[in-house]
Amino acid sequence: MSGSVCQVPNETREDRFREQVLSELEVLYRVARRLTRTPTEAEDLVQDALLRAYRGFDGFDGRYPRAWLLTILRNTHINRLRKRQPDLLDDEVAQRLPARGADGRQDGTSELAFHDEFDPLVREALAGLSANHRAVIALVDLDQLTYQEAADVIGVPVGTVMSRLHRARRKVRAHLEEAGFMEVER
């Protein structure tokens, strides 16, 4: 046997992984932060998702890495919830659980998702939305995910994301108009 072992496929695989996956870390972390509500949990979730992505990278066709990674992140999150609380069967059940902020107050989700730079009226309008409507606003308008990426994260069809986003934006606009913050276009 000669001493030369061809390592190009492994290097190429790792280079492709770095190129296609690591460039999405910021988005993965933002979405994980929304799902977990804490920085530490988000970091752990991203790490677990990246490990799964690395293991399954040979089966990835190279198209739409963000959607692929967000799907892995979402599935990893669901699996972690199931391990912690075996009776939680889907995201809808998890969304009905009361959220806690870092200081133990209720409604930690909106506290993390809609930071202090938002006008109080906008925060109030967003807080008045259902969890499903807040989720699509956060993913599409704040995290700037595409409709398909948001659909992959929350596990619904693209049309559902679009209709929820339309309704959510309409409700926020109506709230702001009622408060005199926006002019009503007629």
N, C-alpha and C. Protein backbone atom coordinates (compact mmCIF):
# COMPACT_ATOMS: atom_id res chain seq x y z
N MET A 1 0.83 -1.19 0.00
CA MET A 1 0.00 0.00 0.00
C MET A 1 0.87 1.24 0.00
N SER A 2 0.52 2.18 -0.78
CA SER A 2 1.28 3.43 -0.77
C SER A 2 0.80 4.29 0.38
N GLY A 3 1.62 5.22 0.79
CA GLY A 3 1.31 6.07 1.94
C GLY A 3 0.37 7.20 1.62
N SER A 4 0.00 7.36 0.38
CA SER A 4 -0.88 8.50 0.07
C SER A 4 -2.34 8.07 0.12
N VAL A 5 -3.06 8.72 0.99
CA VAL A 5 -4.49 8.49 1.12
C VAL A 5 -5.18 9.74 0.60
N CYS A 6 -6.11 9.54 -0.28
CA CYS A 6 -6.82 10.68 -0.87
C CYS A 6 -7.82 11.23 0.14
N GLN A 7 -7.59 12.46 0.62
CA GLN A 7 -8.49 13.08 1.58
C GLN A 7 -9.31 14.21 0.97
N VAL A 8 -9.24 14.35 -0.31
CA VAL A 8 -9.97 15.43 -0.97
C VAL A 8 -11.47 15.37 -0.71
N PRO A 9 -12.11 14.17 -0.78
CA PRO A 9 -13.56 14.16 -0.53
C PRO A 9 -13.93 14.70 0.84
N ASN A 10 -13.18 14.36 1.89
CA ASN A 10 -13.49 14.88 3.22
C ASN A 10 -13.27 16.38 3.29
N GLU A 11 -12.20 16.85 2.71
CA GLU A 11 -11.95 18.30 2.71
C GLU A 11 -13.03 19.02 1.92
N THR A 12 -13.40 18.47 0.79
CA THR A 12 -14.44 19.09 -0.02
C THR A 12 -15.76 19.11 0.74
N ARG A 13 -16.07 18.03 1.40
CA ARG A 13 -17.30 17.96 2.19
C ARG A 13 -17.29 19.01 3.28
N GLU A 14 -16.20 19.12 4.02
CA GLU A 14 -16.11 20.11 5.09
C GLU A 14 -16.14 21.53 4.55
N ASP A 15 -15.48 21.75 3.43
CA ASP A 15 -15.53 23.09 2.81
C ASP A 15 -16.95 23.44 2.39
N ARG A 16 -17.64 22.48 1.79
CA ARG A 16 -19.03 22.73 1.39
C ARG A 16 -19.91 22.99 2.61
N PHE A 17 -19.69 22.22 3.67
CA PHE A 17 -20.46 22.42 4.89
C PHE A 17 -20.24 23.83 5.43
N ARG A 18 -18.99 24.22 5.52
CA ARG A 18 -18.69 25.58 6.01
C ARG A 18 -19.36 26.63 5.13
N GLU A 19 -19.23 26.46 3.83
CA GLU A 19 -19.77 27.45 2.89
C GLU A 19 -21.29 27.55 2.95
N GLN A 20 -21.96 26.40 2.99
CA GLN A 20 -23.41 26.41 2.90
C GLN A 20 -24.10 26.51 4.25
N VAL A 21 -23.47 26.05 5.30
CA VAL A 21 -24.14 25.96 6.58
C VAL A 21 -23.74 27.09 7.52
N LEU A 22 -22.47 27.31 7.65
CA LEU A 22 -22.02 28.27 8.65
C LEU A 22 -22.44 29.71 8.32
N SER A 23 -22.70 30.00 7.07
CA SER A 23 -23.15 31.34 6.70
C SER A 23 -24.57 31.62 7.21
N GLU A 24 -25.27 30.58 7.63
CA GLU A 24 -26.65 30.73 8.12
C GLU A 24 -26.74 30.75 9.64
N LEU A 25 -25.61 30.79 10.33
CA LEU A 25 -25.62 30.73 11.79
C LEU A 25 -26.44 31.84 12.43
N GLU A 26 -26.33 33.04 11.93
CA GLU A 26 -27.06 34.17 12.52
C GLU A 26 -28.57 33.94 12.46
N VAL A 27 -29.05 33.50 11.32
CA VAL A 27 -30.48 33.24 11.16
C VAL A 27 -30.90 32.08 12.07
N LEU A 28 -30.09 31.02 12.10
CA LEU A 28 -30.41 29.88 12.97
C LEU A 28 -30.51 30.32 14.42
N TYR A 29 -29.59 31.14 14.85
CA TYR A 29 -29.61 31.58 16.25
C TYR A 29 -30.84 32.45 16.54
N ARG A 30 -31.17 33.37 15.63
CA ARG A 30 -32.35 34.22 15.84
C ARG A 30 -33.62 33.38 15.95
N VAL A 31 -33.76 32.41 15.06
CA VAL A 31 -34.96 31.57 15.10
C VAL A 31 -34.95 30.70 16.35
N ALA A 32 -33.80 30.16 16.70
CA ALA A 32 -33.69 29.34 17.92
C ALA A 32 -34.04 30.17 19.14
N ARG A 33 -33.65 31.42 19.13
CA ARG A 33 -33.96 32.31 20.25
C ARG A 33 -35.46 32.50 20.40
N ARG A 34 -36.15 32.59 19.27
CA ARG A 34 -37.61 32.72 19.30
C ARG A 34 -38.27 31.43 19.80
N LEU A 35 -37.72 30.31 19.39
CA LEU A 35 -38.29 29.03 19.78
C LEU A 35 -38.06 28.71 21.26
N THR A 36 -36.87 29.03 21.76
CA THR A 36 -36.50 28.60 23.11
C THR A 36 -36.70 29.67 24.17
N ARG A 37 -36.64 30.93 23.76
CA ARG A 37 -36.86 32.08 24.65
C ARG A 37 -35.67 32.43 25.54
N THR A 38 -34.57 31.69 25.46
CA THR A 38 -33.39 32.04 26.25
C THR A 38 -32.12 31.87 25.41
N PRO A 39 -31.13 32.72 25.64
CA PRO A 39 -29.89 32.63 24.85
C PRO A 39 -29.16 31.29 25.02
N THR A 40 -29.11 30.78 26.22
CA THR A 40 -28.40 29.52 26.47
C THR A 40 -29.08 28.36 25.76
N GLU A 41 -30.40 28.29 25.90
CA GLU A 41 -31.15 27.23 25.21
C GLU A 41 -31.01 27.36 23.71
N ALA A 42 -31.02 28.59 23.20
CA ALA A 42 -30.88 28.81 21.76
C ALA A 42 -29.53 28.31 21.27
N GLU A 43 -28.48 28.61 22.01
CA GLU A 43 -27.14 28.13 21.63
C GLU A 43 -27.10 26.61 21.61
N ASP A 44 -27.68 25.98 22.63
CA ASP A 44 -27.71 24.52 22.68
C ASP A 44 -28.50 23.94 21.51
N LEU A 45 -29.63 24.56 21.19
CA LEU A 45 -30.45 24.09 20.09
C LEU A 45 -29.70 24.20 18.76
N VAL A 46 -29.05 25.33 18.54
CA VAL A 46 -28.29 25.51 17.30
C VAL A 46 -27.17 24.48 17.22
N GLN A 47 -26.48 24.26 18.32
CA GLN A 47 -25.39 23.29 18.32
C GLN A 47 -25.92 21.89 17.97
N ASP A 48 -27.04 21.50 18.59
CA ASP A 48 -27.62 20.19 18.29
C ASP A 48 -28.05 20.10 16.82
N ALA A 49 -28.64 21.16 16.31
CA ALA A 49 -29.09 21.17 14.92
C ALA A 49 -27.90 21.10 13.96
N LEU A 50 -26.83 21.81 14.28
CA LEU A 50 -25.64 21.77 13.42
C LEU A 50 -25.01 20.38 13.42
N LEU A 51 -25.02 19.73 14.55
CA LEU A 51 -24.49 18.37 14.62
C LEU A 51 -25.32 17.44 13.74
N ARG A 52 -26.63 17.57 13.81
CA ARG A 52 -27.50 16.75 12.95
C ARG A 52 -27.29 17.08 11.48
N ALA A 53 -27.12 18.37 11.19
CA ALA A 53 -26.88 18.79 9.80
C ALA A 53 -25.57 18.21 9.28
N TYR A 54 -24.55 18.22 10.11
CA TYR A 54 -23.25 17.68 9.71
C TYR A 54 -23.35 16.18 9.43
N ARG A 55 -24.06 15.48 10.31
CA ARG A 55 -24.23 14.03 10.13
C ARG A 55 -25.00 13.72 8.84
N GLY A 56 -25.97 14.55 8.51
CA GLY A 56 -26.79 14.29 7.34
C GLY A 56 -26.38 15.06 6.10
N PHE A 57 -25.23 15.70 6.14
CA PHE A 57 -24.83 16.58 5.05
C PHE A 57 -24.65 15.85 3.73
N ASP A 58 -24.21 14.59 3.77
CA ASP A 58 -24.02 13.84 2.53
C ASP A 58 -25.33 13.63 1.78
N GLY A 59 -26.44 13.62 2.50
CA GLY A 59 -27.74 13.45 1.86
C GLY A 59 -28.37 14.75 1.39
N PHE A 60 -27.73 15.88 1.68
CA PHE A 60 -28.25 17.20 1.29
C PHE A 60 -27.86 17.50 -0.15
N ASP A 61 -28.83 17.93 -0.95
CA ASP A 61 -28.57 18.18 -2.37
C ASP A 61 -27.93 19.53 -2.67
N GLY A 62 -27.76 20.37 -1.66
CA GLY A 62 -27.09 21.66 -1.87
C GLY A 62 -28.03 22.81 -2.21
N ARG A 63 -29.28 22.49 -2.46
CA ARG A 63 -30.23 23.55 -2.78
C ARG A 63 -30.93 24.01 -1.52
N TYR A 64 -31.15 25.29 -1.40
CA TYR A 64 -31.89 25.91 -0.30
C TYR A 64 -31.35 25.52 1.09
N PRO A 65 -30.10 25.84 1.36
CA PRO A 65 -29.53 25.44 2.65
C PRO A 65 -30.26 26.04 3.85
N ARG A 66 -30.76 27.27 3.73
CA ARG A 66 -31.46 27.88 4.86
C ARG A 66 -32.72 27.10 5.20
N ALA A 67 -33.50 26.75 4.20
CA ALA A 67 -34.73 25.99 4.45
C ALA A 67 -34.40 24.62 5.05
N TRP A 68 -33.36 23.98 4.53
CA TRP A 68 -32.93 22.67 5.04
C TRP A 68 -32.53 22.79 6.51
N LEU A 69 -31.73 23.80 6.82
CA LEU A 69 -31.26 23.99 8.19
C LEU A 69 -32.39 24.36 9.14
N LEU A 70 -33.29 25.21 8.70
CA LEU A 70 -34.42 25.60 9.55
C LEU A 70 -35.33 24.42 9.84
N THR A 71 -35.48 23.54 8.88
CA THR A 71 -36.26 22.33 9.11
C THR A 71 -35.59 21.45 10.16
N ILE A 72 -34.27 21.30 10.05
CA ILE A 72 -33.52 20.52 11.04
C ILE A 72 -33.65 21.18 12.41
N LEU A 73 -33.53 22.50 12.46
CA LEU A 73 -33.64 23.23 13.72
C LEU A 73 -35.01 23.00 14.36
N ARG A 74 -36.05 23.15 13.56
CA ARG A 74 -37.42 22.96 14.06
C ARG A 74 -37.62 21.54 14.57
N ASN A 75 -37.19 20.54 13.80
CA ASN A 75 -37.36 19.15 14.21
C ASN A 75 -36.55 18.84 15.47
N THR A 76 -35.37 19.41 15.57
CA THR A 76 -34.55 19.22 16.76
C THR A 76 -35.25 19.83 17.97
N HIS A 77 -35.82 21.01 17.79
CA HIS A 77 -36.56 21.66 18.88
C HIS A 77 -37.74 20.80 19.33
N ILE A 78 -38.51 20.29 18.38
CA ILE A 78 -39.66 19.45 18.71
C ILE A 78 -39.20 18.21 19.46
N ASN A 79 -38.13 17.59 18.99
CA ASN A 79 -37.62 16.39 19.67
C ASN A 79 -37.17 16.70 21.09
N ARG A 80 -36.55 17.86 21.29
CA ARG A 80 -36.11 18.24 22.64
C ARG A 80 -37.32 18.47 23.54
N LEU A 81 -38.38 19.09 23.01
CA LEU A 81 -39.60 19.29 23.80
C LEU A 81 -40.21 17.95 24.19
N ARG A 82 -40.24 17.03 23.25
CA ARG A 82 -40.82 15.71 23.52
C ARG A 82 -40.04 14.98 24.60
N LYS A 83 -38.73 15.11 24.58
CA LYS A 83 -37.91 14.43 25.59
C LYS A 83 -38.16 15.02 26.98
N ARG A 84 -38.33 16.34 27.03
CA ARG A 84 -38.57 16.99 28.32
C ARG A 84 -39.97 16.73 28.83
N GLN A 85 -40.94 16.80 27.93
CA GLN A 85 -42.33 16.64 28.32
C GLN A 85 -42.99 15.70 27.31
N PRO A 86 -42.94 14.41 27.56
CA PRO A 86 -43.41 13.43 26.58
C PRO A 86 -44.85 13.62 26.13
N ASP A 87 -45.68 14.30 26.92
CA ASP A 87 -47.07 14.46 26.52
C ASP A 87 -47.28 15.61 25.53
N LEU A 88 -46.23 16.39 25.25
CA LEU A 88 -46.35 17.45 24.25
C LEU A 88 -46.17 16.82 22.88
N LEU A 89 -47.21 16.82 22.08
CA LEU A 89 -47.15 16.12 20.81
C LEU A 89 -46.90 17.03 19.63
N ASP A 90 -47.15 18.31 19.75
CA ASP A 90 -46.94 19.19 18.62
C ASP A 90 -46.68 20.61 19.09
N ASP A 91 -46.31 21.44 18.14
CA ASP A 91 -45.97 22.84 18.45
C ASP A 91 -47.16 23.61 18.98
N GLU A 92 -48.37 23.29 18.53
CA GLU A 92 -49.54 24.04 18.99
C GLU A 92 -49.72 23.88 20.49
N VAL A 93 -49.46 22.71 20.99
CA VAL A 93 -49.56 22.49 22.43
C VAL A 93 -48.47 23.31 23.13
N ALA A 94 -47.26 23.28 22.59
CA ALA A 94 -46.15 24.02 23.21
C ALA A 94 -46.44 25.52 23.21
N GLN A 95 -47.09 26.02 22.17
CA GLN A 95 -47.38 27.45 22.11
C GLN A 95 -48.42 27.87 23.14
N ARG A 96 -49.23 26.95 23.60
CA ARG A 96 -50.25 27.29 24.59
C ARG A 96 -49.70 27.34 26.01
N LEU A 97 -48.47 26.84 26.19
CA LEU A 97 -47.86 26.90 27.52
C LEU A 97 -47.52 28.33 27.86
N PRO A 98 -47.66 28.74 29.11
CA PRO A 98 -47.30 30.11 29.46
C PRO A 98 -45.81 30.33 29.31
N ALA A 99 -45.45 31.45 28.67
CA ALA A 99 -44.04 31.79 28.49
C ALA A 99 -43.56 32.55 29.71
N ARG A 100 -42.29 32.44 29.98
CA ARG A 100 -41.68 33.15 31.10
C ARG A 100 -40.52 33.96 30.60
N GLY A 101 -40.43 35.20 31.05
CA GLY A 101 -39.30 36.04 30.71
C GLY A 101 -38.10 35.68 31.56
N ALA A 102 -36.98 36.32 31.30
CA ALA A 102 -35.75 36.02 32.01
C ALA A 102 -35.89 36.28 33.51
N ASP A 103 -36.74 37.25 33.89
CA ASP A 103 -36.91 37.57 35.31
C ASP A 103 -38.10 36.85 35.94
N GLY A 104 -38.71 35.90 35.21
CA GLY A 104 -39.80 35.12 35.76
C GLY A 104 -41.18 35.68 35.49
N ARG A 105 -41.27 36.86 34.87
CA ARG A 105 -42.59 37.43 34.57
C ARG A 105 -43.25 36.65 33.45
N GLN A 106 -44.55 36.75 33.37
CA GLN A 106 -45.27 36.15 32.26
C GLN A 106 -44.94 36.89 30.97
N ASP A 107 -45.22 36.24 29.85
CA ASP A 107 -45.10 36.81 28.52
C ASP A 107 -43.66 37.09 28.12
N GLY A 108 -42.77 36.18 28.40
CA GLY A 108 -41.38 36.32 27.99
C GLY A 108 -41.20 36.29 26.49
N THR A 109 -42.12 35.62 25.76
CA THR A 109 -41.99 35.54 24.31
C THR A 109 -42.01 36.91 23.68
N SER A 110 -43.01 37.71 24.00
CA SER A 110 -43.06 39.03 23.38
C SER A 110 -41.96 39.93 23.93
N GLU A 111 -41.55 39.69 25.17
CA GLU A 111 -40.45 40.47 25.73
C GLU A 111 -39.18 40.27 24.92
N LEU A 112 -38.91 39.03 24.53
CA LEU A 112 -37.71 38.74 23.75
C LEU A 112 -37.89 39.11 22.28
N ALA A 113 -39.06 38.83 21.74
CA ALA A 113 -39.26 39.00 20.31
C ALA A 113 -39.38 40.46 19.89
N PHE A 114 -39.97 41.27 20.72
CA PHE A 114 -40.24 42.65 20.33
C PHE A 114 -39.55 43.58 21.33
N HIS A 115 -38.35 43.96 20.97
CA HIS A 115 -37.47 44.70 21.87
C HIS A 115 -37.96 46.12 22.15
N ASP A 116 -37.27 46.80 23.04
CA ASP A 116 -37.67 48.13 23.50
C ASP A 116 -37.62 49.20 22.41
N GLU A 117 -36.94 48.94 21.29
CA GLU A 117 -36.90 49.97 20.26
C GLU A 117 -38.24 50.15 19.57
N PHE A 118 -39.16 49.24 19.78
CA PHE A 118 -40.49 49.39 19.20
C PHE A 118 -41.29 50.39 20.02
N ASP A 119 -42.02 51.18 19.31
CA ASP A 119 -42.91 52.12 19.96
C ASP A 119 -43.89 51.34 20.84
N PRO A 120 -44.26 51.86 21.99
CA PRO A 120 -45.19 51.14 22.88
C PRO A 120 -46.50 50.74 22.19
N LEU A 121 -47.00 51.59 21.30
CA LEU A 121 -48.24 51.24 20.60
C LEU A 121 -48.04 50.03 19.69
N VAL A 122 -46.88 49.94 19.06
CA VAL A 122 -46.59 48.80 18.18
C VAL A 122 -46.45 47.54 19.02
N ARG A 123 -45.75 47.66 20.15
CA ARG A 123 -45.61 46.50 21.04
C ARG A 123 -46.98 46.04 21.53
N GLU A 124 -47.82 47.00 21.87
CA GLU A 124 -49.17 46.67 22.34
C GLU A 124 -49.96 45.96 21.24
N ALA A 125 -49.84 46.47 20.02
CA ALA A 125 -50.55 45.84 18.89
C ALA A 125 -50.04 44.42 18.67
N LEU A 126 -48.74 44.23 18.74
CA LEU A 126 -48.17 42.90 18.55
C LEU A 126 -48.55 41.95 19.68
N ALA A 127 -48.57 42.46 20.89
CA ALA A 127 -48.93 41.63 22.05
C ALA A 127 -50.38 41.17 21.97
N GLY A 128 -51.22 41.93 21.28
CA GLY A 128 -52.63 41.57 21.14
C GLY A 128 -52.89 40.50 20.10
N LEU A 129 -51.87 40.10 19.38
CA LEU A 129 -52.04 39.07 18.35
C LEU A 129 -51.98 37.68 18.98
N SER A 130 -52.54 36.72 18.29
CA SER A 130 -52.41 35.33 18.73
C SER A 130 -50.96 34.89 18.57
N ALA A 131 -50.60 33.79 19.21
CA ALA A 131 -49.23 33.26 19.11
C ALA A 131 -48.87 32.94 17.66
N ASN A 132 -49.82 32.40 16.91
CA ASN A 132 -49.55 32.07 15.50
C ASN A 132 -49.27 33.32 14.67
N HIS A 133 -50.04 34.37 14.91
CA HIS A 133 -49.84 35.61 14.15
C HIS A 133 -48.54 36.30 14.56
N ARG A 134 -48.23 36.31 15.86
CA ARG A 134 -46.95 36.89 16.31
C ARG A 134 -45.78 36.13 15.72
N ALA A 135 -45.90 34.81 15.63
CA ALA A 135 -44.81 33.99 15.11
C ALA A 135 -44.49 34.36 13.66
N VAL A 136 -45.51 34.51 12.81
CA VAL A 136 -45.22 34.83 11.41
C VAL A 136 -44.68 36.25 11.27
N ILE A 137 -45.19 37.19 12.06
CA ILE A 137 -44.64 38.55 12.03
C ILE A 137 -43.17 38.52 12.43
N ALA A 138 -42.86 37.78 13.48
CA ALA A 138 -41.48 37.71 13.96
C ALA A 138 -40.56 37.08 12.91
N LEU A 139 -40.98 35.99 12.33
CA LEU A 139 -40.12 35.28 11.38
C LEU A 139 -39.96 36.03 10.06
N VAL A 140 -41.05 36.57 9.53
CA VAL A 140 -40.99 37.22 8.21
C VAL A 140 -40.55 38.68 8.32
N ASP A 141 -41.18 39.44 9.19
CA ASP A 141 -40.89 40.87 9.25
C ASP A 141 -39.65 41.21 10.08
N LEU A 142 -39.43 40.48 11.16
CA LEU A 142 -38.28 40.81 12.01
C LEU A 142 -37.04 40.01 11.62
N ASP A 143 -37.20 38.70 11.44
CA ASP A 143 -36.05 37.87 11.08
C ASP A 143 -35.78 37.86 9.58
N GLN A 144 -36.70 38.40 8.82
CA GLN A 144 -36.58 38.53 7.37
C GLN A 144 -36.42 37.19 6.66
N LEU A 145 -37.13 36.18 7.14
CA LEU A 145 -37.15 34.90 6.45
C LEU A 145 -38.14 34.99 5.30
N THR A 146 -37.93 34.17 4.29
CA THR A 146 -38.89 34.10 3.20
C THR A 146 -40.14 33.38 3.71
N TYR A 147 -41.21 33.45 2.93
CA TYR A 147 -42.43 32.74 3.31
C TYR A 147 -42.14 31.24 3.45
N GLN A 148 -41.38 30.69 2.51
CA GLN A 148 -41.08 29.26 2.54
C GLN A 148 -40.25 28.90 3.78
N GLU A 149 -39.28 29.72 4.11
CA GLU A 149 -38.46 29.47 5.30
C GLU A 149 -39.30 29.53 6.57
N ALA A 150 -40.18 30.52 6.66
CA ALA A 150 -41.06 30.62 7.82
C ALA A 150 -41.99 29.41 7.88
N ALA A 151 -42.49 28.99 6.75
CA ALA A 151 -43.37 27.81 6.71
C ALA A 151 -42.62 26.57 7.20
N ASP A 152 -41.37 26.44 6.80
CA ASP A 152 -40.56 25.30 7.26
C ASP A 152 -40.34 25.35 8.76
N VAL A 153 -40.12 26.53 9.29
CA VAL A 153 -39.86 26.66 10.73
C VAL A 153 -41.09 26.29 11.55
N ILE A 154 -42.27 26.78 11.15
CA ILE A 154 -43.45 26.52 11.97
C ILE A 154 -44.25 25.31 11.50
N GLY A 155 -43.82 24.70 10.40
CA GLY A 155 -44.43 23.46 9.95
C GLY A 155 -45.82 23.58 9.37
N VAL A 156 -46.04 24.65 8.60
CA VAL A 156 -47.32 24.84 7.94
C VAL A 156 -47.07 25.13 6.46
N PRO A 157 -48.09 25.04 5.61
CA PRO A 157 -47.91 25.39 4.20
C PRO A 157 -47.61 26.89 4.02
N VAL A 158 -46.98 27.22 2.90
CA VAL A 158 -46.64 28.61 2.60
C VAL A 158 -47.88 29.49 2.58
N GLY A 159 -48.96 28.98 2.02
CA GLY A 159 -50.21 29.74 1.97
C GLY A 159 -50.72 30.12 3.35
N THR A 160 -50.52 29.23 4.31
CA THR A 160 -50.93 29.53 5.68
C THR A 160 -50.10 30.66 6.26
N VAL A 161 -48.79 30.64 5.98
CA VAL A 161 -47.92 31.73 6.43
C VAL A 161 -48.39 33.05 5.82
N MET A 162 -48.67 33.03 4.53
CA MET A 162 -49.09 34.25 3.85
C MET A 162 -50.41 34.78 4.40
N SER A 163 -51.37 33.90 4.63
CA SER A 163 -52.65 34.39 5.14
C SER A 163 -52.54 34.86 6.59
N ARG A 164 -51.76 34.15 7.41
CA ARG A 164 -51.56 34.59 8.79
C ARG A 164 -50.85 35.94 8.82
N LEU A 165 -49.86 36.10 7.96
CA LEU A 165 -49.13 37.37 7.92
C LEU A 165 -50.05 38.50 7.47
N HIS A 166 -50.88 38.25 6.49
CA HIS A 166 -51.81 39.28 6.03
C HIS A 166 -52.77 39.69 7.15
N ARG A 167 -53.33 38.70 7.84
CA ARG A 167 -54.25 39.00 8.94
C ARG A 167 -53.54 39.71 10.08
N ALA A 168 -52.33 39.26 10.40
CA ALA A 168 -51.58 39.88 11.50
C ALA A 168 -51.26 41.33 11.19
N ARG A 169 -50.79 41.59 9.99
CA ARG A 169 -50.46 42.97 9.61
C ARG A 169 -51.71 43.84 9.62
N ARG A 170 -52.84 43.28 9.16
CA ARG A 170 -54.10 44.04 9.15
C ARG A 170 -54.53 44.40 10.57
N LYS A 171 -54.38 43.44 11.50
CA LYS A 171 -54.75 43.70 12.90
C LYS A 171 -53.83 44.75 13.53
N VAL A 172 -52.54 44.68 13.25
CA VAL A 172 -51.60 45.67 13.79
C VAL A 172 -51.94 47.04 13.22
N ARG A 173 -52.19 47.11 11.93
CA ARG A 173 -52.53 48.38 11.28
C ARG A 173 -53.81 48.96 11.87
N ALA A 174 -54.82 48.12 12.09
CA ALA A 174 -56.09 48.59 12.66
C ALA A 174 -55.87 49.12 14.07
N HIS A 175 -55.06 48.43 14.85
CA HIS A 175 -54.77 48.89 16.21
C HIS A 175 -54.08 50.26 16.18
N LEU A 176 -53.13 50.41 15.29
CA LEU A 176 -52.40 51.68 15.20
C LEU A 176 -53.29 52.81 14.68
N GLU A 177 -54.20 52.48 13.76
CA GLU A 177 -55.14 53.49 13.25
C GLU A 177 -56.09 53.94 14.35
N GLU A 178 -56.59 52.99 15.13
CA GLU A 178 -57.50 53.33 16.23
C GLU A 178 -56.82 54.21 17.27
N ALA A 179 -55.54 54.00 17.47
CA ALA A 179 -54.80 54.79 18.45
C ALA A 179 -54.34 56.13 17.88
N GLY A 180 -54.64 56.37 16.59
CA GLY A 180 -54.24 57.63 15.97
C GLY A 180 -52.78 57.68 15.56
N PHE A 181 -52.11 56.53 15.57
CA PHE A 181 -50.70 56.49 15.23
C PHE A 181 -50.48 56.53 13.73
N MET A 182 -51.42 55.99 12.97
CA MET A 182 -51.33 55.96 11.52
C MET A 182 -52.56 56.65 10.94
N GLU A 183 -52.36 57.25 9.79
CA GLU A 183 -53.51 57.83 9.09
C GLU A 183 -54.23 56.74 8.34
N VAL A 184 -55.53 56.82 8.35
CA VAL A 184 -56.34 55.85 7.63
C VAL A 184 -56.36 56.26 6.17
N GLU A 185 -55.98 55.32 5.28
CA GLU A 185 -56.00 55.59 3.84
C GLU A 185 -57.38 55.26 3.29
N ARG A 186 -57.95 56.20 2.59
CA ARG A 186 -59.29 55.96 2.02
C ARG A 186 -59.25 56.31 0.57
